[in-house]
C-alpha atoms as a PDB file:
ATOM      1  CA  MET A   1      53.533  94.562 102.142  1.00  0.00           C
ATOM      2  CA  SER A   2      56.844  95.934 101.080  1.00  0.00           C
ATOM      3  CA  LYS A   3      59.070  93.740  99.016  1.00  0.00           C
ATOM      4  CA  THR A   4      62.530  93.154 100.479  1.00  0.00           C
ATOM      5  CA  ILE A   5      65.443  93.643  98.137  1.00  0.00           C
ATOM      6  CA  LYS A   6      68.072  90.960  98.367  1.00  0.00           C
ATOM      7  CA  ARG A   7      71.558  92.461  98.397  1.00  0.00           C
ATOM      8  CA  ILE A   8      74.507  90.501  97.087  1.00  0.00           C
ATOM      9  CA  GLY A   9      77.906  91.470  98.462  1.00  0.00           C
ATOM     10  CA  SER A  10      78.664  94.212 100.931  1.00  0.00           C
ATOM     11  CA  LEU A  11      78.761  97.980 100.699  1.00  0.00           C
ATOM     12  CA  ARG A  12      82.492  97.938 101.289  1.00  0.00           C
ATOM     13  CA  ASN A  13      83.148  96.428  97.866  1.00  0.00           C
ATOM     14  CA  GLU A  14      81.026  99.034  96.121  1.00  0.00           C
ATOM     15  CA  HIS A  15      83.281 102.091  96.367  1.00  0.00           C
ATOM     16  CA  ARG A  16      85.369 102.723  93.268  1.00  0.00           C
ATOM     17  CA  VAL A  17      89.118 102.966  93.785  1.00  0.00           C
ATOM     18  CA  LEU A  18      91.282 104.576  91.102  1.00  0.00           C
ATOM     19  CA  LYS A  19      94.675 104.628  92.809  1.00  0.00           C
ATOM     20  CA  GLY A  20      96.247 102.045  95.089  1.00  0.00           C
ATOM     21  CA  VAL A  21      99.397 100.940  96.860  1.00  0.00           C
ATOM     22  CA  ILE A  22     101.026  97.519  96.422  1.00  0.00           C
ATOM     23  CA  TYR A  23     103.234  96.277  99.251  1.00  0.00           C
ATOM     24  CA  VAL A  24     105.686  93.459  98.483  1.00  0.00           C
ATOM     25  CA  GLN A  25     107.233  91.823 101.531  1.00  0.00           C
ATOM     26  CA  ALA A  26     109.937  89.407 100.390  1.00  0.00           C
ATOM     27  CA  SER A  27     111.522  87.291 103.092  1.00  0.00           C
ATOM     28  CA  PHE A  28     113.837  84.349 102.545  1.00  0.00           C
ATOM     29  CA  ASN A  29     111.002  81.880 103.110  1.00  0.00           C
ATOM     30  CA  ASN A  30     107.939  83.545 101.577  1.00  0.00           C
ATOM     31  CA  THR A  31     106.722  86.527  99.553  1.00  0.00           C
ATOM     32  CA  ILE A  32     103.558  88.387 100.578  1.00  0.00           C
ATOM     33  CA  VAL A  33     101.913  90.850  98.172  1.00  0.00           C
ATOM     34  CA  THR A  34      99.205  93.175  99.549  1.00  0.00           C
ATOM     35  CA  ALA A  35      97.182  95.760  97.632  1.00  0.00           C
ATOM     36  CA  THR A  36      95.504  98.631  99.493  1.00  0.00           C
ATOM     37  CA  ASP A  37      93.772 101.841  98.601  1.00  0.00           C
ATOM     38  CA  VAL A  38      95.412 105.167  99.418  1.00  0.00           C
ATOM     39  CA  ARG A  39      93.870 105.210 102.913  1.00  0.00           C
ATOM     40  CA  GLY A  40      95.417 101.818 103.720  1.00  0.00           C
ATOM     41  CA  GLN A  41      92.347  99.578 103.557  1.00  0.00           C
ATOM     42  CA  VAL A  42      93.280  96.202 102.121  1.00  0.00           C
ATOM     43  CA  ILE A  43      91.723  95.423  98.748  1.00  0.00           C
ATOM     44  CA  SER A  44      93.465  92.139  98.009  1.00  0.00           C
ATOM     45  CA  TRP A  45      96.404  90.080  99.190  1.00  0.00           C
ATOM     46  CA  SER A  46      98.218  86.934  98.205  1.00  0.00           C
ATOM     47  CA  SER A  47     101.304  85.039  99.236  1.00  0.00           C
ATOM     48  CA  ALA A  48     103.398  82.248  97.825  1.00  0.00           C
ATOM     49  CA  GLY A  49     102.027  79.909 100.476  1.00  0.00           C
ATOM     50  CA  ALA A  50      98.437  80.852  99.651  1.00  0.00           C
ATOM     51  CA  CYS A  51      99.145  80.073  95.979  1.00  0.00           C
ATOM     52  CA  GLY A  52      99.878  76.463  96.880  1.00  0.00           C
ATOM     53  CA  PHE A  53     103.655  76.443  97.222  1.00  0.00           C
ATOM     54  CA  LYS A  54     105.007  74.432 100.142  1.00  0.00           C
ATOM     55  CA  GLY A  55     108.312  74.421 101.974  1.00  0.00           C
ATOM     56  CA  THR A  56     111.380  75.937 100.367  1.00  0.00           C
ATOM     57  CA  ARG A  57     109.555  76.558  97.065  1.00  0.00           C
ATOM     58  CA  ARG A  58     107.711  79.473  98.712  1.00  0.00           C
ATOM     59  CA  GLY A  59     110.884  81.568  98.617  1.00  0.00           C
ATOM     60  CA  THR A  60     111.452  81.145  94.876  1.00  0.00           C
ATOM     61  CA  PRO A  61     111.016  83.937  92.330  1.00  0.00           C
ATOM     62  CA  PHE A  62     108.350  81.960  90.460  1.00  0.00           C
ATOM     63  CA  ALA A  63     106.230  81.734  93.624  1.00  0.00           C
ATOM     64  CA  ALA A  64     106.519  85.522  94.055  1.00  0.00           C
ATOM     65  CA  GLN A  65     105.464  86.007  90.434  1.00  0.00           C
ATOM     66  CA  THR A  66     102.375  83.848  90.963  1.00  0.00           C
ATOM     67  CA  ALA A  67     101.412  85.770  94.115  1.00  0.00           C
ATOM     68  CA  ALA A  68     101.825  89.119  92.338  1.00  0.00           C
ATOM     69  CA  GLU A  69      99.714  87.938  89.384  1.00  0.00           C
ATOM     70  CA  ASN A  70      96.879  86.962  91.741  1.00  0.00           C
ATOM     71  CA  VAL A  71      96.809  90.429  93.302  1.00  0.00           C
ATOM     72  CA  ILE A  72      97.070  92.201  89.938  1.00  0.00           C
ATOM     73  CA  ARG A  73      94.128  90.198  88.585  1.00  0.00           C
ATOM     74  CA  THR A  74      91.853  91.479  91.356  1.00  0.00           C
ATOM     75  CA  LEU A  75      93.147  95.052  90.888  1.00  0.00           C
ATOM     76  CA  MET A  76      92.303  94.917  87.184  1.00  0.00           C
ATOM     77  CA  ASP A  77      88.795  93.698  88.039  1.00  0.00           C
ATOM     78  CA  ARG A  78      88.348  96.658  90.381  1.00  0.00           C
ATOM     79  CA  GLY A  79      89.469  99.083  87.684  1.00  0.00           C
ATOM     80  CA  ILE A  80      92.591 100.384  89.405  1.00  0.00           C
ATOM     81  CA  GLY A  81      94.916 101.932  86.841  1.00  0.00           C
ATOM     82  CA  ARG A  82      97.649 103.639  88.888  1.00  0.00           C
ATOM     83  CA  VAL A  83      99.611 102.199  91.810  1.00  0.00           C
ATOM     84  CA  GLU A  84     102.550 102.952  94.046  1.00  0.00           C
ATOM     85  CA  VAL A  85     104.842 100.055  94.945  1.00  0.00           C
ATOM     86  CA  MET A  86     106.560  99.604  98.303  1.00  0.00           C
ATOM     87  CA  ILE A  87     109.101  96.789  98.493  1.00  0.00           C
ATOM     88  CA  SER A  88     110.628  95.504 101.705  1.00  0.00           C
ATOM     89  CA  GLY A  89     112.789  92.573 102.609  1.00  0.00           C
ATOM     90  CA  PRO A  90     115.862  90.767 101.290  1.00  0.00           C
ATOM     91  CA  GLY A  91     114.107  87.836  99.599  1.00  0.00           C
ATOM     92  CA  ARG A  92     114.634  86.437  96.114  1.00  0.00           C
ATOM     93  CA  GLY A  93     111.108  87.264  95.009  1.00  0.00           C
ATOM     94  CA  ARG A  94     111.300  91.047  95.230  1.00  0.00           C
ATOM     95  CA  ASP A  95     112.672  91.680  91.727  1.00  0.00           C
ATOM     96  CA  THR A  96     110.367  89.165  90.093  1.00  0.00           C
ATOM     97  CA  ALA A  97     107.294  90.602  91.809  1.00  0.00           C
ATOM     98  CA  LEU A  98     108.237  94.108  90.647  1.00  0.00           C
ATOM     99  CA  ARG A  99     108.837  92.858  87.102  1.00  0.00           C
ATOM    100  CA  THR A 100     105.409  91.199  87.105  1.00  0.00           C
ATOM    101  CA  ILE A 101     103.713  94.411  88.280  1.00  0.00           C
ATOM    102  CA  ARG A 102     105.574  96.452  85.637  1.00  0.00           C
ATOM    103  CA  ARG A 103     104.538  94.311  82.697  1.00  0.00           C
ATOM    104  CA  SER A 104     100.917  93.960  83.825  1.00  0.00           C
ATOM    105  CA  GLY A 105      99.883  97.255  82.234  1.00  0.00           C
ATOM    106  CA  ILE A 106      99.147  99.134  85.477  1.00  0.00           C
ATOM    107  CA  LEU A 107     100.823 102.561  85.616  1.00  0.00           C
ATOM    108  CA  LEU A 108     103.416 102.928  88.382  1.00  0.00           C
ATOM    109  CA  SER A 109     103.603 106.263  90.214  1.00  0.00           C
ATOM    110  CA  PHE A 110     106.791 105.321  92.012  1.00  0.00           C
ATOM    111  CA  VAL A 111     108.662 102.361  93.427  1.00  0.00           C
ATOM    112  CA  ARG A 112     110.131 102.723  96.907  1.00  0.00           C
ATOM    113  CA  ASP A 113     112.323 100.367  98.920  1.00  0.00           C
ATOM    114  CA  VAL A 114     111.114 100.534 102.515  1.00  0.00           C
ATOM    115  CA  THR A 115     113.340  97.793 103.959  1.00  0.00           C
ATOM    116  CA  PRO A 116     114.101  98.678 107.579  1.00  0.00           C
ATOM    117  CA  LEU A 117     117.823  99.226 108.137  1.00  0.00           C
ATOM    118  CA  PRO A 118     119.269  99.519 111.639  1.00  0.00           C
ATOM    119  CA  HIS A 119     121.559 102.446 112.393  1.00  0.00           C
ATOM    120  CA  ASN A 120     123.709 100.031 114.420  1.00  0.00           C
ATOM    121  CA  GLY A 121     120.835  99.118 116.724  1.00  0.00           C
ATOM    122  CA  CYS A 122     120.856  95.823 118.612  1.00  0.00           C
ATOM    123  CA  ARG A 123     123.982  93.923 119.436  1.00  0.00           C
ATOM    124  CA  PRO A 124     124.258  90.826 117.200  1.00  0.00           C
ATOM    125  CA  PRO A 125     124.390  87.351 118.728  1.00  0.00           C
ATOM    126  CA  LYS A 126     127.785  85.875 119.459  1.00  0.00           C
ATOM    127  CA  LYS A 127     129.525  83.905 116.732  1.00  0.00           C
ATOM    128  CA  ARG A 128     128.891  80.161 116.449  1.00  0.00           C
ATOM    129  CA  ARG A 129     131.693  77.849 117.470  1.00  0.00           C
ATOM    130  CA  VAL A 130     131.464  74.525 115.678  1.00  0.00           C
END
């Protein structure tokens, strides 16, 4: 009889990643931080709502800092030392999330603002009359 080997975890978590990309999406109501490898497969993610903040407190800079720290902790465990940062959105948490990533000790290749800007696209809604 052959002895079966019990495997803990999946094969997907086994591959070693040295370089990654951190996406920070900062809206007015929430901040979502996602870490991927270079191919785009998600390694870890966190948001202000997932960290336990409710209501208007999700849009605060402190909530964005907490979400970024959660993602950075998992990146450090994986051994990722170099990241690229893509920031999008007009929210209040974008600067704080970037500051948290900078002082974590992970080397930054570059920081890019990828906020979509219309080249005078859709017609805006009509003005409110109160």
